[in-house]
Structure formats: structure tokens, C-alpha cells
N, C-alpha and C. Protein backbone atom coordinates (compact mmCIF):
# COMPACT_ATOMS: atom_id res chain seq x y z
N MET A 1 0.84 -1.18 0.00
CA MET A 1 0.00 0.00 0.00
C MET A 1 0.88 1.24 0.00
N TYR A 2 0.53 2.21 -0.81
CA TYR A 2 1.32 3.42 -0.96
C TYR A 2 0.61 4.58 -0.27
N ALA A 3 1.26 5.18 0.71
CA ALA A 3 0.67 6.31 1.44
C ALA A 3 1.17 7.61 0.82
N VAL A 4 0.25 8.54 0.64
CA VAL A 4 0.57 9.83 0.03
C VAL A 4 0.22 10.92 1.03
N SER A 5 1.11 11.89 1.16
CA SER A 5 0.82 13.02 2.04
C SER A 5 -0.24 13.90 1.37
N LEU A 6 -0.88 14.73 2.17
CA LEU A 6 -1.89 15.65 1.64
C LEU A 6 -1.27 16.59 0.61
N THR A 7 -0.05 17.04 0.86
CA THR A 7 0.62 17.93 -0.08
C THR A 7 0.86 17.24 -1.41
N GLU A 8 1.31 15.99 -1.37
CA GLU A 8 1.54 15.24 -2.61
C GLU A 8 0.23 15.01 -3.35
N TYR A 9 -0.82 14.71 -2.60
CA TYR A 9 -2.13 14.51 -3.20
C TYR A 9 -2.61 15.78 -3.90
N PHE A 10 -2.50 16.91 -3.21
CA PHE A 10 -2.92 18.19 -3.78
C PHE A 10 -2.10 18.56 -5.01
N ASN A 11 -0.81 18.24 -5.00
CA ASN A 11 0.02 18.50 -6.18
C ASN A 11 -0.47 17.70 -7.37
N GLY A 12 -0.85 16.45 -7.14
CA GLY A 12 -1.40 15.62 -8.20
C GLY A 12 -2.74 16.15 -8.70
N VAL A 13 -3.58 16.60 -7.77
CA VAL A 13 -4.87 17.17 -8.13
C VAL A 13 -4.67 18.41 -8.99
N GLN A 14 -3.77 19.27 -8.58
CA GLN A 14 -3.54 20.52 -9.31
C GLN A 14 -3.12 20.26 -10.75
N LYS A 15 -2.32 19.24 -10.97
CA LYS A 15 -1.85 18.92 -12.33
C LYS A 15 -2.99 18.40 -13.21
N ARG A 16 -4.01 17.80 -12.59
CA ARG A 16 -5.09 17.20 -13.37
C ARG A 16 -6.25 18.16 -13.64
N LEU A 17 -6.35 19.21 -12.86
CA LEU A 17 -7.47 20.15 -13.03
C LEU A 17 -7.22 21.09 -14.21
N PRO A 18 -8.29 21.51 -14.87
CA PRO A 18 -8.13 22.49 -15.95
C PRO A 18 -7.64 23.83 -15.38
N GLU A 19 -7.01 24.63 -16.22
CA GLU A 19 -6.45 25.91 -15.75
C GLU A 19 -7.52 26.84 -15.17
N GLU A 20 -8.75 26.71 -15.63
CA GLU A 20 -9.83 27.56 -15.11
C GLU A 20 -10.10 27.30 -13.63
N ALA A 21 -9.79 26.11 -13.16
CA ALA A 21 -10.05 25.76 -11.76
C ALA A 21 -9.29 26.68 -10.82
N GLU A 22 -8.07 27.03 -11.16
CA GLU A 22 -7.29 27.92 -10.30
C GLU A 22 -7.96 29.30 -10.20
N ARG A 23 -8.49 29.79 -11.31
CA ARG A 23 -9.17 31.10 -11.29
C ARG A 23 -10.44 31.04 -10.45
N VAL A 24 -11.16 29.93 -10.53
CA VAL A 24 -12.38 29.76 -9.73
C VAL A 24 -12.03 29.73 -8.24
N ILE A 25 -11.03 28.95 -7.88
CA ILE A 25 -10.62 28.85 -6.48
C ILE A 25 -10.16 30.20 -5.96
N ARG A 26 -9.33 30.88 -6.74
CA ARG A 26 -8.81 32.19 -6.33
C ARG A 26 -9.95 33.19 -6.15
N SER A 27 -10.91 33.19 -7.05
CA SER A 27 -12.05 34.12 -6.94
C SER A 27 -12.87 33.85 -5.68
N LEU A 28 -13.12 32.58 -5.39
CA LEU A 28 -13.88 32.24 -4.18
C LEU A 28 -13.08 32.58 -2.92
N GLU A 29 -11.77 32.40 -2.98
CA GLU A 29 -10.93 32.73 -1.83
C GLU A 29 -10.91 34.24 -1.59
N ASP A 30 -10.81 35.01 -2.66
CA ASP A 30 -10.72 36.47 -2.54
C ASP A 30 -12.06 37.14 -2.25
N SER A 31 -13.13 36.64 -2.88
CA SER A 31 -14.43 37.32 -2.80
C SER A 31 -15.47 36.61 -1.95
N GLY A 32 -15.20 35.38 -1.54
CA GLY A 32 -16.16 34.64 -0.73
C GLY A 32 -17.23 33.99 -1.59
N PRO A 33 -18.23 33.39 -0.94
CA PRO A 33 -19.29 32.68 -1.66
C PRO A 33 -20.00 33.59 -2.66
N MET A 34 -20.34 33.02 -3.81
CA MET A 34 -21.10 33.79 -4.81
C MET A 34 -21.86 32.85 -5.73
N ASN A 35 -22.84 33.41 -6.41
CA ASN A 35 -23.61 32.58 -7.34
C ASN A 35 -22.78 32.34 -8.60
N LYS A 36 -23.23 31.39 -9.40
CA LYS A 36 -22.46 30.99 -10.58
C LYS A 36 -22.30 32.10 -11.60
N GLU A 37 -23.30 32.96 -11.72
CA GLU A 37 -23.20 34.08 -12.67
C GLU A 37 -22.06 35.01 -12.27
N ASP A 38 -22.04 35.41 -11.00
CA ASP A 38 -20.99 36.30 -10.51
C ASP A 38 -19.63 35.61 -10.56
N LEU A 39 -19.61 34.33 -10.22
CA LEU A 39 -18.36 33.58 -10.24
C LEU A 39 -17.80 33.50 -11.66
N SER A 40 -18.67 33.29 -12.62
CA SER A 40 -18.25 33.24 -14.02
C SER A 40 -17.59 34.56 -14.43
N LEU A 41 -18.18 35.66 -14.04
CA LEU A 41 -17.62 36.98 -14.38
C LEU A 41 -16.34 37.26 -13.61
N THR A 42 -16.33 36.97 -12.33
CA THR A 42 -15.17 37.25 -11.48
C THR A 42 -13.97 36.42 -11.88
N ALA A 43 -14.20 35.13 -12.14
CA ALA A 43 -13.11 34.22 -12.48
C ALA A 43 -12.75 34.28 -13.97
N LYS A 44 -13.56 34.99 -14.74
CA LYS A 44 -13.36 35.09 -16.19
C LYS A 44 -13.34 33.70 -16.83
N VAL A 45 -14.39 32.93 -16.50
CA VAL A 45 -14.56 31.58 -17.02
C VAL A 45 -15.95 31.51 -17.66
N LYS A 46 -16.01 31.02 -18.90
CA LYS A 46 -17.30 30.89 -19.58
C LYS A 46 -18.22 30.01 -18.74
N ARG A 47 -19.50 30.33 -18.77
CA ARG A 47 -20.47 29.64 -17.92
C ARG A 47 -20.51 28.13 -18.17
N ALA A 48 -20.47 27.72 -19.43
CA ALA A 48 -20.51 26.27 -19.74
C ALA A 48 -19.28 25.57 -19.17
N VAL A 49 -18.14 26.21 -19.22
CA VAL A 49 -16.90 25.64 -18.67
C VAL A 49 -16.96 25.69 -17.15
N LEU A 50 -17.52 26.76 -16.60
CA LEU A 50 -17.62 26.91 -15.14
C LEU A 50 -18.39 25.75 -14.52
N ASP A 51 -19.50 25.37 -15.11
CA ASP A 51 -20.30 24.27 -14.56
C ASP A 51 -19.46 22.99 -14.47
N HIS A 52 -18.68 22.72 -15.50
CA HIS A 52 -17.83 21.53 -15.53
C HIS A 52 -16.75 21.61 -14.43
N VAL A 53 -16.11 22.76 -14.32
CA VAL A 53 -15.03 22.96 -13.33
C VAL A 53 -15.59 22.87 -11.92
N VAL A 54 -16.72 23.51 -11.67
CA VAL A 54 -17.32 23.49 -10.33
C VAL A 54 -17.67 22.06 -9.92
N MET A 55 -18.17 21.27 -10.85
CA MET A 55 -18.53 19.89 -10.51
C MET A 55 -17.28 19.07 -10.18
N GLN A 56 -16.16 19.31 -10.88
CA GLN A 56 -14.91 18.63 -10.56
C GLN A 56 -14.44 19.02 -9.16
N LEU A 57 -14.48 20.32 -8.86
CA LEU A 57 -14.04 20.80 -7.55
C LEU A 57 -14.98 20.32 -6.45
N TYR A 58 -16.26 20.22 -6.76
CA TYR A 58 -17.24 19.70 -5.80
C TYR A 58 -16.95 18.23 -5.49
N ALA A 59 -16.67 17.45 -6.53
CA ALA A 59 -16.38 16.02 -6.35
C ALA A 59 -15.14 15.81 -5.49
N LEU A 60 -14.18 16.73 -5.59
CA LEU A 60 -12.95 16.64 -4.79
C LEU A 60 -13.13 17.18 -3.37
N GLY A 61 -14.27 17.81 -3.11
CA GLY A 61 -14.52 18.37 -1.78
C GLY A 61 -13.88 19.74 -1.58
N ILE A 62 -13.47 20.38 -2.66
CA ILE A 62 -12.81 21.69 -2.58
C ILE A 62 -13.83 22.82 -2.59
N VAL A 63 -14.94 22.61 -3.29
CA VAL A 63 -16.00 23.62 -3.40
C VAL A 63 -17.31 23.00 -2.95
N ASP A 64 -18.12 23.80 -2.27
CA ASP A 64 -19.46 23.38 -1.89
C ASP A 64 -20.45 24.17 -2.72
N VAL A 65 -21.55 23.55 -3.10
CA VAL A 65 -22.60 24.21 -3.87
C VAL A 65 -23.90 24.08 -3.10
N SER A 66 -24.50 25.21 -2.78
CA SER A 66 -25.78 25.19 -2.08
C SER A 66 -26.80 25.97 -2.90
N THR A 67 -28.08 25.77 -2.59
CA THR A 67 -29.14 26.43 -3.33
C THR A 67 -29.78 27.51 -2.47
N GLU A 68 -29.89 28.68 -3.06
CA GLU A 68 -30.63 29.79 -2.43
C GLU A 68 -31.62 30.30 -3.46
N GLY A 69 -32.87 29.93 -3.30
CA GLY A 69 -33.87 30.29 -4.30
C GLY A 69 -33.55 29.58 -5.60
N LYS A 70 -33.41 30.36 -6.68
CA LYS A 70 -33.08 29.78 -7.97
C LYS A 70 -31.57 29.76 -8.21
N SER A 71 -30.81 30.36 -7.31
CA SER A 71 -29.36 30.46 -7.50
C SER A 71 -28.61 29.31 -6.84
N LYS A 72 -27.52 28.92 -7.47
CA LYS A 72 -26.57 27.97 -6.89
C LYS A 72 -25.41 28.80 -6.36
N ILE A 73 -25.17 28.71 -5.06
CA ILE A 73 -24.10 29.47 -4.42
C ILE A 73 -22.88 28.57 -4.24
N CYS A 74 -21.75 29.02 -4.75
CA CYS A 74 -20.50 28.27 -4.64
C CYS A 74 -19.63 28.89 -3.56
N SER A 75 -18.98 28.05 -2.79
CA SER A 75 -18.07 28.52 -1.75
C SER A 75 -16.96 27.50 -1.55
N LEU A 76 -15.83 27.97 -1.06
CA LEU A 76 -14.73 27.06 -0.74
C LEU A 76 -15.04 26.33 0.55
N THR A 77 -14.68 25.07 0.61
CA THR A 77 -14.80 24.30 1.84
C THR A 77 -13.51 24.48 2.64
N LYS A 78 -13.49 23.92 3.82
CA LYS A 78 -12.27 23.96 4.63
C LYS A 78 -11.12 23.30 3.85
N LEU A 79 -11.42 22.19 3.21
CA LEU A 79 -10.42 21.51 2.39
C LEU A 79 -9.98 22.40 1.22
N GLY A 80 -10.91 23.16 0.68
CA GLY A 80 -10.58 24.08 -0.41
C GLY A 80 -9.59 25.15 0.03
N TYR A 81 -9.78 25.67 1.24
CA TYR A 81 -8.83 26.67 1.76
C TYR A 81 -7.46 26.03 2.00
N GLU A 82 -7.45 24.78 2.49
CA GLU A 82 -6.19 24.07 2.69
C GLU A 82 -5.50 23.83 1.36
N PHE A 83 -6.27 23.44 0.35
CA PHE A 83 -5.73 23.21 -0.98
C PHE A 83 -5.09 24.50 -1.50
N SER A 84 -5.79 25.59 -1.34
CA SER A 84 -5.28 26.87 -1.83
C SER A 84 -4.00 27.29 -1.09
N SER A 85 -3.98 27.11 0.21
CA SER A 85 -2.79 27.52 0.97
C SER A 85 -1.59 26.61 0.69
N LEU A 86 -1.81 25.31 0.52
CA LEU A 86 -0.71 24.41 0.17
C LEU A 86 -0.21 24.67 -1.23
N LYS A 87 -1.13 24.99 -2.14
CA LYS A 87 -0.78 25.28 -3.51
C LYS A 87 0.08 26.54 -3.58
N ASP A 88 -0.27 27.52 -2.76
CA ASP A 88 0.50 28.79 -2.73
C ASP A 88 1.89 28.59 -2.12
N ALA A 89 2.00 27.62 -1.23
CA ALA A 89 3.28 27.39 -0.53
C ALA A 89 4.29 26.68 -1.42
N VAL A 90 3.80 26.00 -2.46
CA VAL A 90 4.69 25.22 -3.34
C VAL A 90 5.35 26.10 -4.36
């Protein structure tokens, strides 16, 4: 069995994610939770691409998506903040 540190795991994740994912994470870190329309504009990611990226980040536990009325609100999870801080440290 091969054990991987969290830092090594995050480095592998970062290499596999599309480049738009970093802009999404950075926007959520800088501006806090926001709906997908605002996130698309803030992160400068096309809406169709944003949905794909958000679902990848959600599956990894980096982003949480909640519903408020008709809007989907995206926010970084605790793991997302850890991912961002480890990524910045490398």
C-alpha cells in the first residue's frame, strides 16, 4: 500500500485540473461565496466551462454548492482553503 501526504495529493490534483479551476478557487478565496453568474464573471470563465469545473471541484470536496432560491451558491470548503494555501506554498 502506498501512502501519500496531503501535499503530494494536492500537487497531483492541481496537475489534473483544468487551468480555469485555479481562477475559480482564487475568486472564491478572494471574494467569498457567490452565485455561478458572478463567479463566471469574477473568475473570467465561460459559464458552460464553469459548470464543468465546479462539478470537478465539488467532487474533490474543494468547493461546496448550495441552493438559495433559484441560484446555486459556490463557496470554498475547509479543504478548499487548505488546498489553496498548500498550492501557494509550493
